[in-house]
N, C-alpha and C. Protein backbone atom coordinates (compact mmCIF):
# COMPACT_ATOMS: atom_id res chain seq x y z
N UNK A 1 -4.50 3.97 0.58
CA UNK A 1 -4.67 2.80 1.26
C UNK A 1 -3.15 2.21 1.77
N UNK A 2 -2.17 2.52 1.58
CA UNK A 2 -0.77 2.07 2.31
C UNK A 2 -0.37 2.74 2.75
N UNK A 3 -1.16 4.06 3.11
CA UNK A 3 -0.78 5.10 4.23
C UNK A 3 -1.34 4.99 5.64
N UNK A 4 -2.96 4.27 4.93
CA UNK A 4 -3.44 4.01 6.17
C UNK A 4 -3.14 2.55 6.76
N UNK A 5 -2.47 2.27 6.16
CA UNK A 5 -2.12 0.71 6.43
C UNK A 5 -0.55 0.60 7.54
N UNK A 6 0.25 1.69 7.21
CA UNK A 6 0.92 2.20 8.16
C UNK A 6 0.75 2.83 9.32
N UNK A 7 -0.04 3.75 8.99
CA UNK A 7 -0.89 4.11 10.43
C UNK A 7 -1.32 3.15 11.37
N UNK A 8 -2.36 2.88 10.82
CA UNK A 8 -2.93 1.65 11.48
C UNK A 8 -1.65 0.67 12.20
N UNK A 9 -0.61 0.11 11.65
CA UNK A 9 0.60 -0.66 12.28
C UNK A 9 0.99 0.05 13.12
N UNK A 10 1.41 1.43 13.04
CA UNK A 10 2.29 2.42 13.82
C UNK A 10 1.18 2.20 15.00
N UNK A 11 0.39 2.63 14.82
CA UNK A 11 -0.58 2.77 16.16
C UNK A 11 -0.88 1.55 17.03
N UNK A 12 -1.05 0.19 16.24
CA UNK A 12 -1.29 -0.65 17.04
C UNK A 12 -0.01 -1.57 17.55
N UNK A 13 1.73 -1.59 17.00
CA UNK A 13 2.31 -2.38 17.51
C UNK A 13 3.21 -1.11 17.74
N UNK A 14 3.18 -0.22 18.74
CA UNK A 14 3.94 0.86 18.56
C UNK A 14 3.61 0.77 20.27
N UNK A 15 1.99 1.77 20.53
CA UNK A 15 1.37 2.23 21.67
C UNK A 15 0.82 0.94 22.46
N UNK A 16 1.20 0.92 23.37
CA UNK A 16 0.57 0.30 24.56
C UNK A 16 -0.84 1.27 25.59
N UNK A 17 -1.74 0.40 25.18
CA UNK A 17 -3.40 0.85 25.26
C UNK A 17 -4.08 -0.19 25.42
N UNK A 18 -4.92 0.35 25.97
CA UNK A 18 -6.27 -0.70 26.72
C UNK A 18 -6.75 -1.31 25.69
N UNK A 19 -6.22 -1.03 24.45
CA UNK A 19 -7.57 -1.42 22.90
C UNK A 19 -6.49 -1.81 21.50
N UNK A 20 -4.68 -2.17 22.95
CA UNK A 20 -4.16 -2.97 21.76
C UNK A 20 -3.99 -4.40 20.77
N UNK A 21 -5.18 -5.09 21.72
CA UNK A 21 -4.90 -6.43 21.46
C UNK A 21 -5.89 -6.49 20.30
N UNK A 22 -6.93 -5.61 19.94
CA UNK A 22 -8.22 -5.36 19.28
C UNK A 22 -7.96 -5.14 17.89
N UNK A 23 -6.86 -3.87 17.90
CA UNK A 23 -6.65 -3.02 17.59
C UNK A 23 -5.67 -3.67 16.58
N UNK A 24 -4.59 -4.65 16.70
CA UNK A 24 -3.82 -5.61 16.22
C UNK A 24 -4.68 -6.28 14.95
N UNK A 25 -5.45 -7.14 15.68
CA UNK A 25 -6.95 -8.35 14.80
C UNK A 25 -7.34 -7.24 14.20
N UNK A 26 -7.75 -6.19 14.37
CA UNK A 26 -8.65 -5.18 13.21
C UNK A 26 -7.57 -4.78 12.17
N UNK A 27 -5.97 -4.63 12.48
CA UNK A 27 -4.94 -4.55 11.50
C UNK A 27 -4.69 -5.56 10.87
N UNK A 28 -4.13 -6.38 10.87
CA UNK A 28 -4.51 -7.77 10.16
C UNK A 28 -5.69 -8.17 8.98
N UNK A 29 -7.12 -7.46 9.83
CA UNK A 29 -8.12 -7.92 8.70
C UNK A 29 -8.04 -6.95 7.69
N UNK A 30 -7.93 -5.93 7.96
CA UNK A 30 -8.09 -4.78 7.38
C UNK A 30 -6.88 -5.09 6.20
N UNK A 31 -5.56 -5.53 6.51
CA UNK A 31 -4.47 -5.48 5.46
C UNK A 31 -5.08 -6.89 4.74
N UNK A 32 -5.29 -8.18 5.49
CA UNK A 32 -5.59 -9.23 4.89
C UNK A 32 -6.55 -8.64 3.68
N UNK A 33 -8.04 -8.76 3.96
CA UNK A 33 -8.99 -8.09 2.91
C UNK A 33 -8.57 -6.90 2.19
N UNK A 34 -8.47 -6.08 2.70
CA UNK A 34 -7.37 -5.62 1.16
C UNK A 34 -6.73 -6.08 0.26
N UNK A 35 -5.89 -6.96 0.79
CA UNK A 35 -5.21 -7.49 -0.12
C UNK A 35 -5.97 -9.11 -1.44
N UNK A 36 -6.99 -9.20 -0.42
CA UNK A 36 -8.03 -10.25 -0.93
C UNK A 36 -8.75 -8.69 -2.37
N UNK A 37 -8.87 -8.16 -1.89
CA UNK A 37 -10.24 -7.23 -2.37
C UNK A 37 -8.97 -7.39 -4.26
N UNK A 38 -7.85 -6.80 -3.35
CA UNK A 38 -7.19 -6.21 -4.60
C UNK A 38 -7.07 -7.45 -5.91
N UNK A 39 -6.48 -8.90 -4.88
CA UNK A 39 -6.90 -10.13 -5.89
C UNK A 39 -8.02 -9.92 -6.96
N UNK A 40 -9.33 -9.99 -5.86
CA UNK A 40 -10.59 -10.24 -6.88
C UNK A 40 -10.60 -9.47 -8.07
N UNK A 41 -10.02 -7.88 -7.85
CA UNK A 41 -9.80 -7.24 -9.25
C UNK A 41 -9.33 -7.15 -9.88
N UNK A 42 -8.38 -7.65 -9.66
CA UNK A 42 -7.15 -8.34 -10.55
C UNK A 42 -8.04 -9.64 -11.53
N UNK A 43 -8.84 -10.22 -10.69
CA UNK A 43 -9.09 -11.65 -11.74
C UNK A 43 -10.48 -10.93 -12.41
N UNK A 44 -11.39 -10.08 -11.26
CA UNK A 44 -12.09 -9.98 -12.26
C UNK A 44 -11.81 -9.35 -13.60
N UNK A 45 -10.96 -8.42 -13.75
CA UNK A 45 -10.07 -7.61 -14.83
C UNK A 45 -10.30 -8.59 -15.61
N UNK A 46 -8.51 -9.50 -15.22
CA UNK A 46 -7.94 -10.59 -15.86
C UNK A 46 -9.41 -11.37 -16.69
N UNK A 47 -10.50 -12.38 -16.00
CA UNK A 47 -11.12 -13.28 -16.37
C UNK A 47 -12.67 -13.11 -16.36
N UNK A 48 -13.84 -12.16 -16.13
CA UNK A 48 -15.03 -12.06 -16.18
C UNK A 48 -15.28 -12.48 -15.78
N UNK A 49 -15.16 -13.66 -14.59
CA UNK A 49 -16.15 -14.82 -14.08
C UNK A 49 -16.71 -13.78 -12.71
N UNK A 50 -17.93 -14.82 -12.72
CA UNK A 50 -19.52 -13.93 -12.55
C UNK A 50 -19.36 -14.35 -10.69
N UNK A 51 -19.10 -13.56 -10.22
CA UNK A 51 -19.66 -13.80 -8.67
C UNK A 51 -17.62 -13.00 -7.95
N UNK A 52 -16.69 -12.84 -8.73
CA UNK A 52 -15.64 -12.38 -7.99
C UNK A 52 -15.80 -10.90 -7.85
N UNK A 53 -16.83 -10.63 -8.57
CA UNK A 53 -17.09 -8.66 -8.32
C UNK A 53 -17.96 -8.75 -6.85
N UNK A 54 -18.51 -9.80 -6.68
CA UNK A 54 -18.95 -9.74 -5.51
C UNK A 54 -18.20 -9.48 -4.67
N UNK A 55 -17.31 -10.77 -4.76
CA UNK A 55 -15.94 -11.06 -3.23
C UNK A 55 -15.17 -9.85 -3.55
N UNK A 56 -14.73 -8.87 -4.69
CA UNK A 56 -14.45 -7.55 -3.98
C UNK A 56 -14.98 -6.72 -3.68
N UNK A 57 -16.85 -6.82 -3.96
CA UNK A 57 -16.99 -6.11 -3.34
C UNK A 57 -17.30 -6.20 -2.15
N UNK A 58 -17.60 -7.16 -1.34
CA UNK A 58 -17.31 -7.75 0.37
C UNK A 58 -16.37 -7.33 0.78
N UNK A 59 -15.29 -7.85 -0.09
CA UNK A 59 -13.86 -7.54 1.10
C UNK A 59 -13.52 -6.14 1.20
N UNK A 60 -13.82 -5.54 0.07
CA UNK A 60 -13.90 -3.85 0.56
C UNK A 60 -14.59 -3.58 1.55
N UNK A 61 -16.03 -3.92 1.37
CA UNK A 61 -16.76 -3.91 3.06
C UNK A 61 -15.90 -4.02 4.17
N UNK A 62 -15.41 -4.64 4.00
CA UNK A 62 -14.39 -5.72 5.37
C UNK A 62 -13.45 -4.67 5.56
N UNK A 63 -12.56 -3.96 4.99
CA UNK A 63 -11.43 -3.31 5.31
C UNK A 63 -12.44 -1.72 5.54
N UNK A 64 -13.29 -1.66 4.90
CA UNK A 64 -14.23 -0.26 5.43
C UNK A 64 -14.65 -0.49 7.13
N UNK A 65 -14.96 -1.16 7.52
CA UNK A 65 -15.85 -1.71 8.75
C UNK A 65 -14.27 -2.07 9.44
N UNK A 66 -13.02 -2.72 8.89
CA UNK A 66 -12.21 -2.86 10.30
C UNK A 66 -11.60 -1.46 9.84
N UNK A 67 -11.90 -0.46 9.49
CA UNK A 67 -10.99 0.54 9.66
C UNK A 67 -11.96 1.85 10.64
N UNK A 68 -13.43 1.52 10.00
CA UNK A 68 -14.23 2.15 11.63
C UNK A 68 -13.86 1.39 13.00
N UNK A 69 -13.86 -0.12 12.73
CA UNK A 69 -13.54 -0.03 13.63
C UNK A 69 -12.28 0.04 15.05
N UNK A 70 -11.38 0.10 13.95
CA UNK A 70 -10.07 0.67 14.66
C UNK A 70 -9.97 1.63 14.63
N UNK A 71 -10.61 3.13 14.49
CA UNK A 71 -10.50 4.24 14.65
C UNK A 71 -11.55 4.31 15.69
N UNK A 72 -12.44 3.51 16.14
CA UNK A 72 -13.43 3.82 17.14
C UNK A 72 -12.99 3.42 18.29
N UNK A 73 -11.45 2.10 18.63
CA UNK A 73 -10.92 2.28 19.37
C UNK A 73 -10.81 2.88 20.60
N UNK A 74 -10.46 5.02 19.80
CA UNK A 74 -9.90 6.05 20.58
C UNK A 74 -10.81 5.91 21.38
N UNK A 75 -12.47 5.96 21.36
CA UNK A 75 -13.05 5.93 22.15
C UNK A 75 -12.73 5.83 23.78
N UNK A 76 -12.18 4.19 23.54
CA UNK A 76 -12.28 3.41 24.65
C UNK A 76 -10.68 3.79 25.44
N UNK A 77 -9.82 4.31 24.34
CA UNK A 77 -8.62 4.73 24.81
C UNK A 77 -8.69 6.12 25.85
N UNK A 78 -9.16 7.16 25.30
CA UNK A 78 -9.82 8.58 25.88
C UNK A 78 -10.86 8.41 26.46
N UNK A 79 -11.02 7.47 27.39
CA UNK A 79 -12.27 7.61 27.68
C UNK A 79 -12.57 8.41 28.74
N UNK A 80 -11.85 8.34 29.72
CA UNK A 80 -11.18 9.14 30.96
C UNK A 80 -10.27 10.50 31.11
N UNK A 81 -10.50 10.85 29.28
CA UNK A 81 -9.65 12.22 29.41
C UNK A 81 -10.54 13.01 29.31
N UNK A 82 -10.78 14.40 28.66
CA UNK A 82 -11.53 15.59 29.06
C UNK A 82 -10.84 16.42 27.67
N UNK A 83 -11.73 17.59 27.06
CA UNK A 83 -11.16 18.11 26.27
C UNK A 83 -11.65 19.38 26.80
N UNK A 84 -10.80 20.49 26.87
CA UNK A 84 -10.75 21.40 26.95
C UNK A 84 -10.16 22.79 25.89
N UNK A 85 -11.19 23.55 25.82
CA UNK A 85 -11.05 25.10 24.33
C UNK A 85 -10.36 25.76 25.44
N UNK A 86 -9.69 26.69 25.33
CA UNK A 86 -9.78 27.99 25.81
C UNK A 86 -8.94 28.95 24.47
N UNK A 87 -10.24 30.31 25.10
CA UNK A 87 -10.05 31.23 23.97
C UNK A 87 -8.81 31.98 24.35
N UNK A 88 -7.93 32.18 23.22
CA UNK A 88 -7.02 32.56 23.18
C UNK A 88 -6.51 34.04 23.73
N UNK A 89 -7.33 34.72 22.72
CA UNK A 89 -7.85 35.85 23.24
C UNK A 89 -8.25 36.43 24.40
N UNK A 90 -9.22 35.83 25.35
CA UNK A 90 -9.38 36.15 26.91
C UNK A 90 -8.98 34.91 27.44
N UNK A 91 -7.71 34.28 27.33
CA UNK A 91 -7.36 32.96 28.70
C UNK A 91 -9.17 32.52 28.85
N UNK A 92 -9.91 32.02 28.39
CA UNK A 92 -10.80 31.64 29.33
C UNK A 92 -12.11 30.84 28.66
N UNK A 93 -12.29 30.08 29.26
CA UNK A 93 -13.29 28.96 28.39
C UNK A 93 -15.47 29.52 27.94
N UNK A 94 -14.74 29.35 26.38
CA UNK A 94 -15.60 29.31 25.99
C UNK A 94 -16.59 29.94 26.19
């Protein structure tokens, strides 16, 4: 989780791409929902109140969806690029 947040932070705040603003928003959503998930998890384990684990699960889903949304932005960043694979043995396209 920590390395994923570091990666998201570095990509969102240092790269100037078309989707930079959306990446910054999704990074903050990911960070805050991860923090909430941690709080709900420990609150559930300490006090065992009903509904707390449900809130933990919801915040975990928000972490997942914001991570998916963040990495989906690469589609828009690389939309005008083509990937070309070359066979090194023959120096030709497969």
